[in-house]
Amino acid sequence: MLQAQTKLAVFDCDGTLVDGQADVCWSMRRAFERAELPPPDDNDVRRLVGLSLTVAVNELAPDLDESQRRAVVEFYKSSYRARREEGLLEEPLYDGIADLLRALHAEGWSLAVATGKSDRGLTACLDAHGLTDLFVSLQTADRHPSKPHPAMLEAALFEAAAQVDEAIMIGDTTFDIDMARAAGVVGLGVAWGYHDPAELALSGATGVAGNVAELGQMLREWA
């Protein structure tokens, strides 16, 4: 009997599954202010969502010395954590995402996440939405180099026992598409996140879904 082929869908989190930009921007502004540095523009912060925190800070303020950089990173972590503990954190799912994930899971897909979030942040986010049990692999910035390095995707492939031609990466930024290309995996963009659809196409996305229903259709056609 032939073994059924694995279908692995690896999702970015912020900008793809949830819209967490408000808290990310607030926490980054707060971190720079606490470090007595000029805060970055929210639009600049939003475009870097998905990168590991240290890499994002380097991009926002490349002239910082090492002590300043460490201070901003730690202030960001503590500000974001306090916001969560105070019940102020808002990471709403995009409309239709939960239903799509549950439908794919029921259809036999293996699901994974590859995100610039921390382990703690991703776990809290998925637990809050009751989605954690749907995923076979959760890859974060705590254990891997920043996107677009392929390490997170490679780990997801290993944990799901999937080959590169059995996996597809879904994300809203060029970092996601570039990571997919680096890992030899198909990259599919979504239009509701933080990078323009034209940028995703130029990065090599095989397609860009305009809404969640279209995303589901494109995934099933790819499979």
Protein backbone atom coordinates (compact mmCIF):
# COMPACT_ATOMS: atom_id res chain seq x y z
CA MET A 1 0.00 0.00 0.00
CA LEU A 2 1.34 3.41 -0.94
CA GLN A 3 1.88 5.82 1.94
CA ALA A 4 -0.27 8.95 1.76
CA GLN A 5 1.69 12.06 0.85
CA THR A 6 2.17 14.61 3.61
CA LYS A 7 0.61 18.04 3.06
CA LEU A 8 2.38 20.52 5.32
CA ALA A 9 1.18 24.13 5.56
CA VAL A 10 3.54 26.38 7.53
CA PHE A 11 2.03 29.70 8.59
CA ASP A 12 3.62 32.91 9.70
CA CYS A 13 1.80 34.35 12.73
CA ASP A 14 1.70 38.18 12.96
CA GLY A 15 0.17 39.59 9.81
CA THR A 16 -0.97 36.16 8.60
CA LEU A 17 -2.91 34.46 11.40
CA VAL A 18 -3.34 37.41 13.76
CA ASP A 19 -3.15 41.20 13.54
CA GLY A 20 -0.73 42.10 16.32
CA GLN A 21 0.72 45.28 14.84
CA ALA A 22 -0.75 47.70 17.40
CA ASP A 23 0.95 46.03 20.37
CA VAL A 24 4.21 45.51 18.47
CA CYS A 25 4.35 49.19 17.52
CA TRP A 26 3.40 50.34 21.03
CA SER A 27 6.00 48.09 22.66
CA MET A 28 8.74 49.21 20.26
CA ARG A 29 7.99 52.89 20.86
CA ARG A 30 7.98 52.26 24.60
CA ALA A 31 11.27 50.36 24.45
CA PHE A 32 13.08 53.20 22.67
CA GLU A 33 11.59 55.77 25.03
CA ARG A 34 12.69 53.79 28.09
CA ALA A 35 16.18 53.62 26.58
CA GLU A 36 16.04 57.43 26.18
CA LEU A 37 16.21 57.16 22.39
CA PRO A 38 14.00 58.67 19.68
CA PRO A 39 11.18 56.23 18.97
CA PRO A 40 10.89 54.80 15.45
CA ASP A 41 8.01 55.50 13.11
CA ASP A 42 5.18 52.97 13.37
CA ASN A 43 5.26 52.34 9.63
CA ASP A 44 8.93 51.36 9.84
CA VAL A 45 8.20 49.01 12.75
CA ARG A 46 5.25 47.43 10.95
CA ARG A 47 7.35 46.59 7.90
CA LEU A 48 9.81 44.67 10.10
CA VAL A 49 7.22 42.50 11.86
CA GLY A 50 8.30 38.90 11.32
CA LEU A 51 12.01 39.43 11.86
CA SER A 52 13.62 38.37 15.10
CA LEU A 53 13.57 41.16 17.67
CA THR A 54 17.30 41.88 17.68
CA VAL A 55 17.41 42.00 13.89
CA ALA A 56 14.41 44.35 13.80
CA VAL A 57 16.04 46.71 16.32
CA ASN A 58 19.24 46.69 14.26
CA GLU A 59 17.25 47.60 11.16
CA LEU A 60 15.39 50.41 12.94
CA ALA A 61 18.48 51.94 14.54
CA PRO A 62 21.72 50.64 12.98
CA ASP A 63 23.85 53.25 14.75
CA LEU A 64 23.10 52.05 18.28
CA ASP A 65 26.00 50.69 20.28
CA GLU A 66 25.75 47.22 21.78
CA SER A 67 24.59 48.37 25.22
CA GLN A 68 21.86 50.53 23.71
CA ARG A 69 20.73 47.69 21.47
CA ARG A 70 20.53 45.26 24.37
CA ALA A 71 18.59 47.80 26.40
CA VAL A 72 15.99 48.32 23.65
CA VAL A 73 15.58 44.57 23.20
CA GLU A 74 15.08 43.96 26.92
CA PHE A 75 12.75 46.94 27.32
CA TYR A 76 10.67 45.68 24.41
CA LYS A 77 10.38 42.21 25.96
CA SER A 78 9.39 43.55 29.36
CA SER A 79 6.93 46.08 27.91
CA TYR A 80 5.25 43.48 25.74
CA ARG A 81 5.12 40.96 28.59
CA ALA A 82 3.59 43.55 30.95
CA ARG A 83 0.97 44.40 28.35
CA ARG A 84 0.00 40.73 28.13
CA GLU A 85 -0.08 40.27 31.92
CA GLU A 86 -2.28 43.36 32.32
CA GLY A 87 -4.76 41.97 29.80
CA LEU A 88 -4.13 44.79 27.33
CA LEU A 89 -2.62 42.69 24.56
CA GLU A 90 -4.80 42.40 21.46
CA GLU A 91 -3.93 39.81 18.81
CA PRO A 92 -7.21 39.19 16.97
CA LEU A 93 -7.38 36.42 14.40
CA TYR A 94 -8.12 37.56 10.89
CA ASP A 95 -11.68 36.72 9.91
CA GLY A 96 -12.00 33.12 8.78
CA ILE A 97 -8.54 31.97 9.83
CA ALA A 98 -9.69 29.71 12.68
CA ASP A 99 -12.24 27.99 10.44
CA LEU A 100 -9.64 27.50 7.70
CA LEU A 101 -7.10 25.99 10.09
CA ARG A 102 -9.66 23.60 11.55
CA ALA A 103 -10.87 22.61 8.08
CA LEU A 104 -7.34 21.91 6.83
CA HIS A 105 -6.60 19.88 9.96
CA ALA A 106 -9.77 17.84 9.42
CA GLU A 107 -8.76 17.24 5.80
CA GLY A 108 -5.49 15.66 6.92
CA TRP A 109 -3.08 18.53 6.53
CA SER A 110 -0.13 18.88 8.89
CA LEU A 111 0.04 22.46 10.17
CA ALA A 112 3.00 24.40 11.55
CA VAL A 113 4.00 27.94 12.50
CA ALA A 114 7.26 29.74 11.73
CA THR A 115 7.38 33.12 13.43
CA GLY A 116 9.60 35.87 14.75
CA LYS A 117 7.70 35.64 18.05
CA SER A 118 9.21 34.06 21.13
CA ASP A 119 8.13 30.63 22.36
CA ARG A 120 6.20 32.26 25.18
CA GLY A 121 4.53 34.78 22.87
CA LEU A 122 3.47 32.20 20.29
CA THR A 123 2.16 29.77 22.90
CA ALA A 124 0.13 32.51 24.62
CA CYS A 125 -1.31 33.67 21.30
CA LEU A 126 -2.37 30.22 20.08
CA ASP A 127 -3.68 29.19 23.51
CA ALA A 128 -5.80 32.35 23.70
CA HIS A 129 -7.50 31.36 20.45
CA GLY A 130 -7.76 27.64 21.22
CA LEU A 131 -5.61 26.64 18.25
CA THR A 132 -2.49 25.09 19.77
CA ASP A 133 -3.56 21.48 19.31
CA LEU A 134 -3.92 21.92 15.55
CA PHE A 135 -0.18 22.29 14.99
CA VAL A 136 2.48 19.59 14.74
CA SER A 137 5.40 22.04 14.81
CA LEU A 138 5.92 25.50 16.32
CA GLN A 139 9.13 27.26 15.34
CA THR A 140 10.13 30.62 16.85
CA ALA A 141 12.95 33.13 17.03
CA ASP A 142 14.05 31.69 20.38
CA ARG A 143 15.65 28.68 18.72
CA HIS A 144 16.54 29.82 15.21
CA PRO A 145 18.18 32.60 13.23
CA SER A 146 15.85 35.32 11.98
CA LYS A 147 13.93 34.99 8.77
CA PRO A 148 14.78 34.73 5.92
CA HIS A 149 17.23 32.07 7.15
CA PRO A 150 15.59 28.69 6.37
CA ALA A 151 16.24 27.09 9.79
CA MET A 152 12.66 27.42 11.05
CA LEU A 153 11.24 25.84 7.90
CA GLU A 154 13.81 23.08 7.95
CA ALA A 155 12.89 22.25 11.55
CA ALA A 156 9.19 22.22 10.68
CA LEU A 157 9.85 19.86 7.78
CA PHE A 158 11.77 17.53 10.08
CA GLU A 159 9.15 17.52 12.83
CA ALA A 160 6.33 16.93 10.34
CA ALA A 161 8.31 14.25 8.47
CA ALA A 162 7.69 16.16 5.24
CA GLN A 163 9.80 16.66 2.13
CA VAL A 164 10.35 20.09 0.60
CA ASP A 165 7.91 19.33 -2.22
CA GLU A 166 5.22 18.42 0.33
CA ALA A 167 5.30 21.79 2.12
CA ILE A 168 4.08 25.30 1.49
CA MET A 169 4.90 28.46 3.44
CA ILE A 170 2.17 31.06 3.93
CA GLY A 171 3.09 34.59 4.98
CA ASP A 172 2.47 38.29 4.59
CA THR A 173 6.03 39.56 4.20
CA THR A 174 8.92 39.19 1.81
CA PHE A 175 10.84 37.66 4.74
CA ASP A 176 8.45 34.69 4.61
CA ILE A 177 8.72 34.29 0.85
CA ASP A 178 12.51 34.63 0.93
CA MET A 179 12.69 32.02 3.71
CA ALA A 180 10.58 29.65 1.65
CA ARG A 181 12.85 30.08 -1.35
CA ALA A 182 15.94 29.52 0.82
CA ALA A 183 14.45 26.24 2.06
CA GLY A 184 13.32 25.11 -1.39
CA VAL A 185 9.66 25.33 -0.38
CA VAL A 186 6.77 26.96 -2.24
CA GLY A 187 5.90 30.39 -0.83
CA LEU A 188 2.35 31.73 -0.86
CA GLY A 189 1.59 35.32 0.10
CA VAL A 190 -1.43 36.88 1.78
CA ALA A 191 -2.61 40.41 1.01
CA TRP A 192 -3.94 41.40 4.45
CA GLY A 193 -0.64 41.72 6.29
CA TYR A 194 2.25 44.16 6.48
CA HIS A 195 3.90 44.03 3.03
CA ASP A 196 2.31 45.02 -0.25
CA PRO A 197 1.13 42.15 -2.50
CA ALA A 198 3.33 43.46 -5.31
CA GLU A 199 6.38 43.07 -3.09
CA LEU A 200 5.41 39.48 -2.30
CA ALA A 201 5.06 38.71 -6.00
CA LEU A 202 8.45 40.26 -6.77
CA SER A 203 10.01 38.13 -4.02
CA GLY A 204 8.83 35.00 -5.79
CA ALA A 205 5.49 34.13 -4.20
CA THR A 206 3.64 31.60 -6.34
CA GLY A 207 0.48 33.58 -5.66
CA VAL A 208 -1.01 36.11 -3.25
CA ALA A 209 -4.37 35.35 -1.63
CA GLY A 210 -6.66 38.35 -1.38
CA ASN A 211 -8.77 36.87 1.42
CA VAL A 212 -8.95 33.78 3.60
CA ALA A 213 -11.43 31.96 1.35
CA GLU A 214 -9.07 32.45 -1.58
CA LEU A 215 -6.19 31.21 0.54
CA GLY A 216 -8.04 27.98 1.25
CA GLN A 217 -8.78 27.51 -2.43
CA MET A 218 -5.15 28.14 -3.43
CA LEU A 219 -3.86 25.69 -0.82
CA ARG A 220 -6.20 22.95 -1.97
CA GLU A 221 -5.31 23.55 -5.60
CA TRP A 222 -1.59 23.35 -4.75
CA ALA A 223 -2.10 20.08 -2.87
